[in-house]
Amino acid sequence: MARVGERPTIRTYGRRKGHRLSPRKQRLIDEMLPGLRVNTDVPPPEPATGLFSHTASEVWLEVGFGAGEHLAWQAEKNPHVGLIGCEPYINGVAALLASVEERGLTNIRIWDSDARVILDWLHDTSIARVFVLHPDPWPKARHHKRRLVSPETLRALARVMIPGAELRVATDIGDYARSTLEAVQTTGLFSWMAECAADWRRRPSDWPATRYEKKARREGRASIYLTFVRV
C-alpha cells in the first residue's frame, strides 16, 4: 500500500476525466468539493466520526462510487451514518456533488483520488461497513494485477474495519467474483455470509442498483452480490 501522499505504483482505475463538465457541475467541483474533500495532510480524527460536522454514530466507506447513486441513497437512508466516498473519476464526483446539493446531504465526505491512500491514512478499526460495487474488471489476464479486490487490498480494508464490519462486493463478471472469493480465502480475514445461491444472486433491499449494474443487465449480464464479515 502507498503511504499517505504517495502515488500507488499500480493503478487500479481507468480514466480520471470524461466529457467536459457543465457549468453547474464545474461550479460544484470548484466550490463544494474543497469543503467535502478529506484532508489527508493532517492526522485522521479518532474516532473517524470526527470527520463529520453532524453527529455520526459510525462511518461507512465506498470505494469507487461511480456516479454516486448508491452512496447518496445510503446517506439519505442512514442520516446517523457518516459516509466516505472514494472516486478518482471527476465526472462521477461532479454527479455525486449534484446529488448532495439537490438532497441537502450533510453526511458525505469525498476522496477524489486513489482509495488506497485513504486506507493507509485511517486509524485501525475506524470503519463499520465497506462497499466495493462493480469495480473495474480489468478483464485481460495481463491486467489482473490492477484489480482492486486483491489480498493486499483486503488486508488494508481489514485493518481499518471493526470486527464484525460488513464488506459488500458486487460484480457482473464471473471471473472477478471467483478471484474475490480466492482473495478472501487467501487472507482468512473475512467470512463469506452466503448460505444458499439466492444470497449472492439477489440484491438485498438496502443495496440499491447502480447505473453500472443496470447497464450490465441491459447487456445480458447478471450481477453477483457478495457479502463478507470482518472476523
Foldseek 3Di string as FASTA:
>chain_A
DDEAPDDDPFAQADDQEDDDDDPVLVCCVVPVQVVQADDLVDAQDVQNCVSAPDAAPAEEEEEACQLPPLVLLCCVVCVNYAYEYEAQHSNSVSSNSVSCVVVVGRRYHYHNDHCVSVLNRHAFQRHQEYEYEAGDCLPDPVCNVSHCQALVNVVSVLRRHHAFGKYKYKHLDPVVVVRNVVSCVVNVFKDWPDPDQCVFQDDDPSGDDDVVCVVCVVVPTGMTMIMIGGD
